[in-house]
Protein backbone atom coordinates (compact mmCIF):
# COMPACT_ATOMS: atom_id res chain seq x y z
CA UNK A 1 -2.47 -17.44 -46.09
CA UNK A 2 -0.10 -18.71 -42.74
CA UNK A 3 0.69 -14.71 -42.48
CA UNK A 4 -2.98 -13.67 -42.61
CA UNK A 5 -4.39 -16.82 -40.09
CA UNK A 6 -1.51 -15.73 -37.72
CA UNK A 7 -2.24 -11.97 -37.96
CA UNK A 8 -6.26 -12.58 -37.32
CA UNK A 9 -4.68 -14.60 -33.94
CA UNK A 10 -2.53 -11.72 -32.88
CA UNK A 11 -5.78 -9.03 -33.53
CA UNK A 12 -8.06 -11.51 -31.09
CA UNK A 13 -5.44 -10.78 -28.54
CA UNK A 14 -5.47 -7.21 -29.14
CA UNK A 15 -4.25 -4.30 -31.19
CA UNK A 16 -0.62 -4.50 -29.84
CA UNK A 17 0.11 -7.87 -30.58
CA UNK A 18 -1.56 -7.57 -34.12
CA UNK A 19 0.74 -4.37 -34.71
CA UNK A 20 3.53 -6.44 -33.60
CA UNK A 21 3.44 -9.05 -35.63
CA UNK A 22 2.92 -6.63 -38.86
CA UNK A 23 6.20 -4.86 -38.07
CA UNK A 24 8.64 -7.93 -37.18
CA UNK A 25 6.63 -9.44 -40.62
CA UNK A 26 7.32 -6.13 -42.83
CA UNK A 27 11.28 -6.04 -41.24
CA UNK A 28 11.38 -10.02 -41.91
CA UNK A 29 9.93 -10.27 -45.46
CA UNK A 30 11.90 -6.88 -46.33
CA UNK A 31 15.04 -8.25 -45.38
CA UNK A 32 13.66 -11.24 -47.77
CA UNK A 33 13.55 -8.65 -50.84
CA UNK A 34 16.73 -7.39 -49.99
CA UNK A 35 18.83 -10.41 -49.94
CA UNK A 36 16.50 -12.06 -53.18
CA UNK A 37 17.70 -11.33 -56.19
CA UNK A 38 15.44 -13.70 -58.45
CA UNK A 39 12.08 -15.48 -58.06
CA UNK A 40 13.37 -19.01 -57.32
CA UNK A 41 15.30 -17.63 -54.61
CA UNK A 42 12.30 -15.41 -53.21
CA UNK A 43 10.20 -18.53 -53.77
CA UNK A 44 12.53 -21.10 -51.57
CA UNK A 45 12.62 -18.26 -48.61
CA UNK A 46 8.96 -18.25 -48.91
CA UNK A 47 8.28 -21.63 -48.34
CA UNK A 48 10.44 -21.83 -45.71
CA UNK A 49 8.60 -18.66 -43.99
CA UNK A 50 4.99 -20.56 -44.65
CA UNK A 51 6.19 -23.81 -42.90
CA UNK A 52 7.21 -21.90 -39.88
CA UNK A 53 3.83 -19.91 -40.12
CA UNK A 54 1.88 -23.02 -40.34
CA UNK A 55 3.81 -24.65 -37.09
CA UNK A 56 2.89 -21.31 -35.14
CA UNK A 57 -0.74 -21.65 -36.36
CA UNK A 58 -1.32 -25.11 -35.28
CA UNK A 59 0.12 -24.76 -31.88
CA UNK A 60 -1.33 -21.96 -31.51
CA UNK A 61 -4.90 -23.45 -31.66
CA UNK A 62 -3.64 -26.22 -29.84
CA UNK A 63 -2.64 -24.08 -26.87
CA UNK A 64 -5.14 -21.02 -26.69
CA UNK A 65 -2.51 -19.03 -26.71
CA UNK A 66 0.72 -17.76 -29.26
CA UNK A 67 3.62 -20.25 -28.50
CA UNK A 68 6.83 -19.07 -27.14
CA UNK A 69 10.34 -20.11 -28.09
CA UNK A 70 10.22 -22.33 -25.08
CA UNK A 71 7.29 -24.84 -26.57
CA UNK A 72 9.14 -24.59 -30.31
CA UNK A 73 12.08 -25.77 -28.69
CA UNK A 74 10.60 -28.97 -26.81
CA UNK A 75 8.89 -29.70 -30.17
CA UNK A 76 12.19 -29.56 -32.00
CA UNK A 77 14.20 -31.53 -29.55
CA UNK A 78 11.71 -34.04 -28.67
CA UNK A 79 12.01 -37.69 -29.96
CA UNK A 80 10.39 -38.95 -32.93
CA UNK A 81 8.34 -41.68 -30.93
CA UNK A 82 7.22 -38.96 -28.41
CA UNK A 83 6.29 -36.62 -31.56
CA UNK A 84 3.99 -39.49 -33.41
CA UNK A 85 2.12 -39.77 -29.82
CA UNK A 86 1.29 -36.27 -29.39
CA UNK A 87 0.32 -36.01 -33.20
CA UNK A 88 -2.15 -39.02 -32.66
CA UNK A 89 -3.57 -38.01 -29.26
CA UNK A 90 -4.43 -34.47 -30.63
CA UNK A 91 -5.97 -35.84 -34.38
CA UNK A 92 -2.82 -33.92 -36.30
CA UNK A 93 -1.29 -36.87 -37.89
CA UNK A 94 -3.21 -36.67 -41.09
CA UNK A 95 -2.26 -33.13 -41.36
CA UNK A 96 1.13 -33.90 -40.87
CA UNK A 97 1.81 -36.30 -44.13
CA UNK A 98 -1.02 -33.11 -46.06
CA UNK A 99 1.61 -30.91 -44.52
CA UNK A 100 4.75 -32.57 -46.08
CA UNK A 101 3.13 -32.79 -49.42
CA UNK A 102 1.65 -29.59 -49.47
CA UNK A 103 5.54 -28.34 -48.84
CA UNK A 104 7.17 -30.71 -51.12
CA UNK A 105 5.08 -29.11 -54.20
CA UNK A 106 5.60 -25.81 -53.41
CA UNK A 107 9.56 -26.69 -53.29
CA UNK A 108 9.08 -28.01 -56.55
CA UNK A 109 7.36 -25.06 -58.26
CA UNK A 110 9.78 -22.70 -56.64
CA UNK A 111 12.48 -24.85 -58.42
CA UNK A 112 10.68 -23.99 -61.70
CA UNK A 113 10.60 -20.33 -61.71
CA UNK A 114 12.73 -17.63 -63.46
CA UNK A 115 13.64 -14.21 -63.42
CA UNK A 116 14.71 -11.14 -61.62
CA UNK A 117 12.95 -9.58 -58.84
CA UNK A 118 13.83 -5.89 -58.00
CA UNK A 119 16.25 -3.22 -59.24
CA UNK A 120 19.05 -1.98 -57.05
CA UNK A 121 16.79 1.52 -56.29
CA UNK A 122 14.12 -0.67 -54.70
CA UNK A 123 16.22 -2.50 -52.44
CA UNK A 124 17.17 0.64 -51.19
CA UNK A 125 13.71 1.83 -50.74
CA UNK A 126 12.94 -1.10 -48.91
CA UNK A 127 16.38 -1.14 -46.86
CA UNK A 128 14.96 1.93 -45.76
CA UNK A 129 11.51 0.59 -44.65
CA UNK A 130 13.12 -1.68 -42.59
CA UNK A 131 15.20 0.87 -40.78
CA UNK A 132 12.30 2.68 -39.96
CA UNK A 133 10.28 0.19 -38.65
CA UNK A 134 12.92 -0.85 -36.04
CA UNK A 135 13.07 2.73 -35.18
CA UNK A 136 9.48 2.82 -34.24
CA UNK A 137 9.81 -0.30 -32.54
CA UNK A 138 13.17 0.96 -30.75
CA UNK A 139 11.11 4.08 -29.49
CA UNK A 140 7.94 2.23 -29.20
CA UNK A 141 7.73 3.34 -25.04
CA UNK A 142 7.85 7.04 -26.02
CA UNK A 143 4.83 6.90 -28.59
CA UNK A 144 1.09 7.52 -26.79
CA UNK A 145 -0.04 4.31 -27.11
CA UNK A 146 2.65 2.57 -25.61
CA UNK A 147 0.91 1.71 -22.21
CA UNK A 148 -0.30 -1.92 -21.46
CA UNK A 149 -1.51 -4.14 -22.76
CA UNK A 150 0.68 -2.75 -25.56
CA UNK A 151 4.13 -4.19 -25.61
CA UNK A 152 6.94 -3.19 -27.47
CA UNK A 153 7.80 -5.22 -30.85
CA UNK A 154 11.59 -5.22 -29.45
CA UNK A 155 10.50 -6.32 -25.96
CA UNK A 156 10.72 -9.85 -24.78
CA UNK A 157 6.31 -10.15 -24.69
CA UNK A 158 6.73 -8.74 -27.87
CA UNK A 159 9.41 -10.05 -29.65
CA UNK A 160 9.36 -13.67 -28.37
CA UNK A 161 5.94 -14.11 -29.08
CA UNK A 162 5.19 -13.41 -32.37
CA UNK A 163 6.48 -15.27 -35.55
CA UNK A 164 8.82 -14.89 -37.32
CA UNK A 165 10.84 -13.32 -34.19
CA UNK A 166 10.31 -15.85 -32.19
CA UNK A 167 12.51 -17.99 -34.12
CA UNK A 168 15.71 -15.90 -32.91
CA UNK A 169 14.76 -16.37 -29.35
CA UNK A 170 14.73 -20.07 -30.28
CA UNK A 171 18.32 -19.98 -31.72
CA UNK A 172 19.26 -18.12 -28.58
CA UNK A 173 17.54 -20.31 -26.04
CA UNK A 174 19.12 -23.38 -27.75
CA UNK A 175 22.82 -21.39 -28.03
CA UNK A 176 22.65 -20.64 -24.04
CA UNK A 177 21.94 -24.49 -23.26
CA UNK A 178 24.91 -25.39 -24.86
CA UNK A 179 27.23 -23.04 -23.88
CA UNK A 180 25.95 -22.63 -20.05
CA UNK A 181 28.57 -23.83 -17.67
CA UNK A 182 27.82 -26.73 -15.11
CA UNK A 183 26.74 -25.93 -11.65
CA UNK A 184 29.66 -25.83 -9.51
CA UNK A 185 28.68 -27.86 -6.33
CA UNK A 186 32.28 -27.78 -4.56
CA UNK A 187 30.90 -24.72 -2.39
CA UNK A 188 28.15 -26.73 -1.16
CA UNK A 189 28.15 -28.11 2.42
CA UNK A 190 25.42 -30.25 3.91
CA UNK A 191 25.47 -31.29 7.61
CA UNK A 192 22.67 -33.58 9.45
CA UNK A 193 21.73 -32.86 13.18
CA UNK A 194 21.58 -36.35 13.70
CA UNK A 195 22.41 -39.66 11.48
CA UNK A 196 20.26 -42.67 11.88
CA UNK A 197 22.44 -45.79 12.32
CA UNK A 198 20.03 -48.29 10.30
CA UNK A 199 20.07 -48.04 6.38
CA UNK A 200 17.88 -45.44 4.82
CA UNK A 201 16.26 -45.30 1.59
CA UNK A 202 14.53 -42.21 0.04
CA UNK A 203 12.71 -42.61 -3.30
CA UNK A 204 10.90 -39.66 -5.25
CA UNK A 205 8.76 -40.83 -8.01
CA UNK A 206 8.32 -37.68 -10.59
CA UNK A 207 4.72 -38.21 -12.08
CA UNK A 208 4.44 -36.74 -15.39
CA UNK A 209 0.72 -35.09 -16.65
CA UNK A 210 -1.34 -36.09 -13.25
CA UNK A 211 -4.30 -34.29 -12.23
CA UNK A 212 -5.31 -34.28 -8.74
CA UNK A 213 -8.98 -34.63 -9.01
CA UNK A 214 -8.39 -37.90 -11.04
CA UNK A 215 -7.07 -39.39 -7.78
CA UNK A 216 -9.67 -41.71 -5.57
CA UNK A 217 -7.56 -40.68 -2.32
CA UNK A 218 -8.51 -37.15 -3.36
CA UNK A 219 -12.00 -37.66 -3.74
CA UNK A 220 -12.58 -38.75 -7.23
CA UNK A 221 -15.67 -40.76 -7.38
CA UNK A 222 -13.85 -43.40 -9.42
CA UNK A 223 -11.66 -45.93 -7.67
CA UNK A 224 -8.76 -45.26 -9.42
CA UNK A 225 -6.26 -45.55 -6.68
CA UNK A 226 -7.87 -48.27 -4.57
CA UNK A 227 -3.78 -49.62 -3.40
CA UNK A 228 -3.10 -45.89 -1.58
CA UNK A 229 -6.84 -45.88 -0.52
CA UNK A 230 -5.78 -48.95 1.81
CA UNK A 231 -2.83 -47.21 3.60
CA UNK A 232 -3.33 -46.16 6.57
CA UNK A 233 -3.81 -42.50 7.80
CA UNK A 234 -0.62 -42.38 10.00
CA UNK A 235 2.25 -43.68 7.22
CA UNK A 236 0.24 -42.07 4.17
CA UNK A 237 -0.41 -38.16 3.55
CA UNK A 238 -2.03 -36.69 0.52
CA UNK A 239 -1.52 -32.47 0.51
CA UNK A 240 -4.42 -31.16 -1.37
CA UNK A 241 -3.52 -27.75 -2.65
CA UNK A 242 -0.32 -28.10 -4.55
CA UNK A 243 0.62 -26.68 -7.53
CA UNK A 244 3.44 -27.68 -10.31
CA UNK A 245 5.83 -24.89 -11.33
CA UNK A 246 5.06 -24.83 -14.82
CA UNK A 247 2.99 -26.08 -17.05
CA UNK A 248 5.52 -27.92 -19.19
CA UNK A 249 7.72 -30.55 -18.05
CA UNK A 250 11.16 -28.77 -19.46
CA UNK A 251 10.48 -26.10 -16.58
CA UNK A 252 8.64 -28.08 -13.93
CA UNK A 253 10.96 -30.98 -13.20
CA UNK A 254 13.96 -28.48 -13.00
CA UNK A 255 11.89 -26.30 -9.95
CA UNK A 256 10.97 -29.38 -8.14
CA UNK A 257 14.55 -31.08 -8.21
CA UNK A 258 16.13 -27.47 -7.24
CA UNK A 259 13.53 -25.50 -5.17
CA UNK A 260 13.98 -22.52 -7.09
CA UNK A 261 10.71 -20.23 -7.15
CA UNK A 262 9.07 -19.91 -10.42
CA UNK A 263 9.27 -16.34 -10.10
CA UNK A 264 13.21 -16.85 -10.26
CA UNK A 265 13.47 -19.47 -12.60
CA UNK A 266 15.69 -19.09 -16.07
CA UNK A 267 15.96 -21.98 -18.44
CA UNK A 268 19.28 -21.05 -19.23
CA UNK A 269 20.97 -21.01 -15.41
CA UNK A 270 21.99 -24.18 -13.87
CA UNK A 271 21.17 -24.96 -10.32
CA UNK A 272 22.44 -27.73 -8.31
CA UNK A 273 19.93 -30.04 -7.53
CA UNK A 274 18.26 -32.25 -4.61
CA UNK A 275 20.43 -34.91 -5.29
CA UNK A 276 23.75 -32.77 -5.42
CA UNK A 277 22.76 -32.31 -1.81
CA UNK A 278 21.83 -36.11 -0.84
CA UNK A 279 25.12 -36.74 -2.54
CA UNK A 280 26.72 -34.18 0.11
CA UNK A 281 25.20 -35.75 2.66
CA UNK A 282 26.45 -39.26 1.89
CA UNK A 283 23.88 -40.61 -0.26
CA UNK A 284 24.40 -42.69 -2.90
CA UNK A 285 21.95 -41.10 -5.44
CA UNK A 286 20.63 -42.68 -8.57
CA UNK A 287 18.26 -41.37 -11.39
CA UNK A 288 15.62 -43.99 -13.01
CA UNK A 289 13.65 -42.80 -16.15
CA UNK A 290 11.05 -44.28 -18.35
CA UNK A 291 11.54 -40.72 -20.41
CA UNK A 292 13.87 -39.18 -22.59
CA UNK A 293 17.74 -38.82 -21.28
CA UNK A 294 17.84 -35.40 -22.48
CA UNK A 295 14.61 -34.26 -19.34
CA UNK A 296 17.55 -34.95 -16.91
CA UNK A 297 20.29 -33.62 -18.77
CA UNK A 298 18.31 -30.36 -19.41
CA UNK A 299 17.67 -30.32 -15.62
CA UNK A 300 21.82 -30.93 -14.93
CA UNK A 301 21.23 -34.03 -13.49
CA UNK A 302 24.41 -35.81 -11.73
CA UNK A 303 23.91 -38.86 -9.79
CA UNK A 304 25.81 -41.55 -9.25
CA UNK A 305 23.98 -43.95 -11.65
CA UNK A 306 21.71 -42.18 -14.36
CA UNK A 307 19.48 -44.99 -16.64
CA UNK A 308 17.05 -43.61 -19.06
CA UNK A 309 15.25 -44.34 -21.99
CA UNK A 310 17.42 -44.17 -25.27
CA UNK A 311 20.57 -44.33 -23.59
CA UNK A 312 20.39 -47.28 -21.44
CA UNK A 313 17.02 -48.97 -21.50
CA UNK A 314 16.81 -49.32 -25.33
CA UNK A 315 14.47 -47.53 -27.57
CA UNK A 316 11.31 -48.56 -29.84
CA UNK A 317 12.59 -50.47 -32.60
CA UNK A 318 9.56 -49.39 -35.41
CA UNK A 319 7.94 -45.76 -35.41
CA UNK A 320 5.02 -46.96 -34.58
CA UNK A 321 6.30 -48.83 -31.12
CA UNK A 322 4.53 -47.93 -27.91
CA UNK A 323 6.98 -46.27 -25.29
CA UNK A 324 8.15 -48.59 -22.62
CA UNK A 325 5.53 -48.83 -19.81
CA UNK A 326 6.84 -47.87 -16.16
CA UNK A 327 6.94 -51.33 -14.48
CA UNK A 328 9.76 -51.40 -16.57
CA UNK A 329 12.04 -49.19 -13.49
CA UNK A 330 11.16 -51.81 -11.32
CA UNK A 331 13.84 -54.47 -11.75
CA UNK A 332 16.10 -51.30 -12.00
CA UNK A 333 14.67 -50.03 -8.97
CA UNK A 334 15.58 -53.91 -7.47
CA UNK A 335 19.04 -53.76 -8.73
CA UNK A 336 19.84 -50.30 -6.87
CA UNK A 337 18.47 -51.28 -3.78
CA UNK A 338 20.42 -54.27 -3.15
CA UNK A 339 23.80 -51.94 -3.67
CA UNK A 340 25.78 -52.10 -0.36
CA UNK A 341 25.58 -48.03 0.46
CA UNK A 342 23.83 -47.47 3.26
CA UNK A 343 22.18 -44.45 2.46
CA UNK A 344 20.19 -44.04 -0.84
CA UNK A 345 18.13 -41.22 -2.58
CA UNK A 346 16.38 -42.75 -5.81
CA UNK A 347 14.72 -40.67 -7.89
CA UNK A 348 12.06 -42.56 -10.28
CA UNK A 349 11.27 -40.29 -13.34
CA UNK A 350 8.19 -41.92 -15.07
CA UNK A 351 5.81 -41.49 -18.10
CA UNK A 352 2.91 -41.92 -15.74
CA UNK A 353 -0.49 -40.05 -17.16
CA UNK A 354 1.17 -38.48 -20.59
CA UNK A 355 -0.74 -38.74 -23.78
CA UNK A 356 -1.44 -40.98 -25.66
CA UNK A 357 -2.79 -42.01 -22.20
CA UNK A 358 -4.46 -45.69 -23.85
CA UNK A 359 -0.46 -46.17 -24.43
CA UNK A 360 0.30 -45.74 -20.75
CA UNK A 361 -0.92 -49.08 -19.53
CA UNK A 362 -1.11 -52.54 -20.25
CA UNK A 363 -4.38 -53.78 -21.28
CA UNK A 364 -5.49 -55.47 -17.61
CA UNK A 365 -5.47 -51.99 -16.47
CA UNK A 366 -8.37 -51.17 -18.88
CA UNK A 367 -11.18 -51.03 -16.33
CA UNK A 368 -12.90 -47.86 -16.87
CA UNK A 369 -15.16 -47.69 -19.96
CA UNK A 370 -18.18 -45.39 -20.47
CA UNK A 371 -19.01 -47.46 -23.94
CA UNK A 372 -22.49 -48.64 -22.35
CA UNK A 373 -23.85 -45.20 -22.82
CA UNK A 374 -25.80 -44.61 -26.44
CA UNK A 375 -23.46 -41.29 -26.91
CA UNK A 376 -19.95 -42.04 -26.31
CA UNK A 377 -17.94 -39.43 -27.30
CA UNK A 378 -14.37 -38.89 -28.05
CA UNK A 379 -13.96 -36.67 -24.74
CA UNK A 380 -15.25 -39.67 -23.03
CA UNK A 381 -13.00 -42.10 -24.27
CA UNK A 382 -10.27 -39.41 -23.44
CA UNK A 383 -10.92 -39.43 -20.05
CA UNK A 384 -11.81 -43.09 -19.55
CA UNK A 385 -8.37 -43.65 -20.63
CA UNK A 386 -6.69 -40.99 -18.66
CA UNK A 387 -8.52 -42.53 -15.47
CA UNK A 388 -6.63 -45.96 -16.68
CA UNK A 389 -3.68 -44.28 -16.44
CA UNK A 390 -3.94 -43.22 -13.29
CA UNK A 391 -4.82 -46.62 -11.90
CA UNK A 392 -2.22 -47.76 -13.11
CA UNK A 393 0.34 -45.20 -11.58
CA UNK A 394 -1.83 -46.44 -8.30
CA UNK A 395 -0.64 -49.94 -9.15
CA UNK A 396 3.03 -48.79 -9.66
CA UNK A 397 3.51 -46.49 -6.50
CA UNK A 398 1.95 -49.53 -4.57
CA UNK A 399 4.59 -51.30 -6.28
CA UNK A 400 7.26 -49.59 -4.80
CA UNK A 401 6.25 -49.13 -1.36
CA UNK A 402 5.89 -52.66 -1.11
CA UNK A 403 9.75 -52.99 -2.48
CA UNK A 404 10.70 -50.57 0.62
CA UNK A 405 8.56 -52.26 3.23
CA UNK A 406 10.24 -55.40 2.23
CA UNK A 407 13.49 -54.34 3.53
CA UNK A 408 12.66 -53.15 6.88
CA UNK A 409 14.83 -49.88 6.89
CA UNK A 410 14.30 -45.93 7.48
CA UNK A 411 12.22 -45.52 4.13
CA UNK A 412 10.45 -42.73 2.08
CA UNK A 413 8.28 -43.13 -0.99
CA UNK A 414 7.52 -39.31 -2.06
CA UNK A 415 5.01 -38.69 -5.04
CA UNK A 416 4.57 -35.11 -6.88
CA UNK A 417 3.61 -34.68 -10.32
CA UNK A 418 5.27 -32.11 -12.68
CA UNK A 419 1.86 -30.48 -13.99
CA UNK A 420 -1.67 -32.09 -14.76
CA UNK A 421 -3.47 -32.04 -18.01
CA UNK A 422 -6.90 -30.42 -19.65
CA UNK A 423 -9.46 -33.30 -20.77
CA UNK A 424 -12.03 -30.96 -22.32
CA UNK A 425 -13.59 -29.93 -18.72
CA UNK A 426 -16.64 -28.11 -18.39
CA UNK A 427 -17.34 -28.11 -22.41
CA UNK A 428 -13.53 -25.86 -22.69
CA UNK A 429 -11.87 -27.05 -25.91
CA UNK A 430 -8.40 -27.39 -24.39
CA UNK A 431 -6.82 -30.97 -23.72
CA UNK A 432 -3.13 -31.54 -23.14
CA UNK A 433 -0.53 -29.23 -21.26
CA UNK A 434 1.44 -26.22 -22.25
CA UNK A 435 -1.22 -23.40 -22.46
CA UNK A 436 -0.27 -20.02 -22.49
CA UNK A 437 -2.65 -18.93 -19.30
CA UNK A 438 -2.09 -22.43 -17.67
CA UNK A 439 -5.47 -23.68 -16.44
CA UNK A 440 -6.22 -25.14 -13.14
CA UNK A 441 -6.34 -28.26 -14.17
CA UNK A 442 -2.84 -27.84 -15.82
CA UNK A 443 -1.38 -26.39 -12.13
CA UNK A 444 -3.11 -28.40 -9.63
CA UNK A 445 -0.77 -31.68 -9.11
CA UNK A 446 -1.25 -34.86 -6.69
CA UNK A 447 1.56 -34.77 -3.66
CA UNK A 448 1.71 -38.06 -1.56
CA UNK A 449 4.17 -38.96 0.98
CA UNK A 450 4.51 -42.77 2.25
CA UNK A 451 6.78 -43.02 5.50
CA UNK A 452 8.10 -46.63 7.06
CA UNK A 453 7.49 -47.05 10.37
CA UNK A 454 11.12 -46.64 11.16
CA UNK A 455 10.92 -43.17 9.79
CA UNK A 456 8.05 -42.41 11.63
CA UNK A 457 9.62 -43.58 14.97
CA UNK A 458 13.22 -41.56 13.78
CA UNK A 459 11.82 -38.34 12.56
CA UNK A 460 8.34 -38.04 14.83
CA UNK A 461 8.29 -34.33 15.39
CA UNK A 462 8.75 -33.61 11.85
CA UNK A 463 6.07 -36.41 10.36
CA UNK A 464 3.87 -35.02 12.63
CA UNK A 465 4.10 -31.22 11.55
CA UNK A 466 3.82 -32.36 7.93
CA UNK A 467 1.19 -33.90 8.37
CA UNK A 468 -0.57 -30.74 9.71
CA UNK A 469 0.10 -29.23 6.50
CA UNK A 470 -2.05 -31.53 4.22
CA UNK A 471 -4.34 -28.83 3.47
CA UNK A 472 -2.04 -25.80 3.28
CA UNK A 473 -1.39 -24.24 -0.29
CA UNK A 474 2.03 -25.81 -1.68
CA UNK A 475 3.98 -24.77 -4.58
CA UNK A 476 6.17 -27.95 -6.23
CA UNK A 477 9.56 -25.87 -5.22
CA UNK A 478 8.57 -26.51 -1.49
CA UNK A 479 9.51 -30.63 -1.85
CA UNK A 480 13.12 -29.60 -2.30
CA UNK A 481 12.99 -27.38 0.90
CA UNK A 482 10.78 -29.89 2.77
CA UNK A 483 12.61 -32.99 1.88
CA UNK A 484 16.10 -32.05 3.11
CA UNK A 485 14.70 -30.47 6.11
CA UNK A 486 12.67 -33.36 7.54
CA UNK A 487 16.27 -35.51 7.35
CA UNK A 488 17.55 -32.54 9.45
CA UNK A 489 20.03 -31.53 7.18
CA UNK A 490 21.81 -27.92 7.36
CA UNK A 491 23.48 -26.36 4.10
CA UNK A 492 24.31 -22.61 3.13
CA UNK A 493 21.57 -20.24 1.85
CA UNK A 494 18.78 -22.67 3.43
CA UNK A 495 15.09 -21.27 2.71
CA UNK A 496 13.29 -23.30 6.10
CA UNK A 497 10.66 -20.60 5.78
CA UNK A 498 9.98 -22.98 2.38
CA UNK A 499 9.63 -25.91 4.60
CA UNK A 500 6.41 -27.92 5.17
CA UNK A 501 8.58 -29.56 8.85
CA UNK A 502 8.22 -25.52 9.82
CA UNK A 503 5.28 -24.69 12.23
CA UNK A 504 4.81 -21.20 11.13
CA UNK A 505 4.63 -22.59 7.04
CA UNK A 506 2.85 -19.96 4.97
CA UNK A 507 2.56 -20.08 1.40
CA UNK A 508 4.42 -17.19 0.20
CA UNK A 509 2.45 -13.67 -1.33
CA UNK A 510 2.41 -13.00 -4.15
CA UNK A 511 3.44 -16.94 -5.91
CA UNK A 512 3.33 -17.46 -9.70
CA UNK A 513 3.27 -20.55 -11.81
CA UNK A 514 5.30 -20.73 -15.51
CA UNK A 515 3.09 -20.90 -18.46
CA UNK A 516 4.27 -22.00 -21.74
CA UNK A 517 5.58 -18.79 -22.97
CA UNK A 518 7.43 -17.92 -19.91
CA UNK A 519 5.14 -15.65 -18.39
CA UNK A 520 4.16 -15.55 -14.79
CA UNK A 521 0.56 -16.51 -14.52
CA UNK A 522 -1.62 -16.51 -11.31
CA UNK A 523 -2.19 -19.44 -9.43
CA UNK A 524 -5.90 -20.96 -9.60
CA UNK A 525 -5.81 -23.74 -7.29
CA UNK A 526 -8.46 -23.34 -5.30
């Protein structure tokens, strides 16, 4: 049954993916028949094959596309609290218990089976069929139908998008992560044309799953950002046409921190982050996160101080206990601001607007509700809770700005999300993020920048040029190049064409966004 469901999904994507799936299933199941000498062993292997098939099927339904190794790797490495939240938000929690019961029953039945499976001469026949299938895949490009969209079963497009071959890709990605060398930063030399004598504090707040169009300051009808709306246009900038580097945190955050173009990003590679460059320029660096430590670790974040949930901030004591609110980062920010270093660069990696939305904010921020409507749907409830989470992030950003204002130093606060979320928009049954085609709502993200009066005086020309690009097409990777250029920094291999401080800045031609399957997709930000 799981195999049939996956085949039907592949068939809807076209005959190429269906044929690819059948070939790999033939190879995989043929190998099982060769290795299995009795019914019990075959039954056990088939149970675990079915487990993987069901996982692929369910995630495929959720993300409107076949999940690739990257998405499965994220699910496999997620902590239990986040996994429970995900299952609850997507309505799959009850199916988890049904699924576990079915697997337990299947294993019990398998343990009762007896008898031989295949005689030795049949194993040789199956082996011959396997070799024929492999040969067909290797010579796929020479066959008459081998034109797009007919990917070869042994190509990245074919092998990594179908079950069970993607399991090998998952293992490959995991091994590459474990064995890859840490980035060498000894060659990085950063110089500043002019170093202010005053203290400097620059804060980057990385949002999570935040959509551009749900912010009041970006034209949304609900007052979801009253604090930011009160800021004067001379001190606050909101960029209107910004897309994230990818629609999964594990990809989007590294692209944001390193400035690597989505077209050139490789999950197994290691890149120097903006924290490395700031440290080379004489800044004390800090990474404070309400998310898991693994997110920063996978991006190879190095800083003078690293504090993250589950390693320094503690973890939920009970299975269904909520994850910490982002405001728990504020006391840590206060402590870092008290450090004696004259120059500081601080990253706050927040949980932001990540599902389950109603768990992202304290009850006092539950301001938006459509319950007075006669037909109060799940979609309305979902969007209400999402808007409440945006209201909470607005308050959080105001708290950060007020802390910087009170210190009377040269300072900036930048806020940029990793990606957005689908919210059943326009009647389309899409929710969350990580789809294989990356929707407009997953791509279009908010990007705000606040500058203190001292900063705007010190870097008047750069700030003026930055403000002129609020309507320009921008990628999340531009933050890295813009921030360093904004502070008059010079370094090897500098890409000033990617900096918004440049008068001649233009979005590069043929820019792309990474989707969950590792494919590059068109930018859909208007």
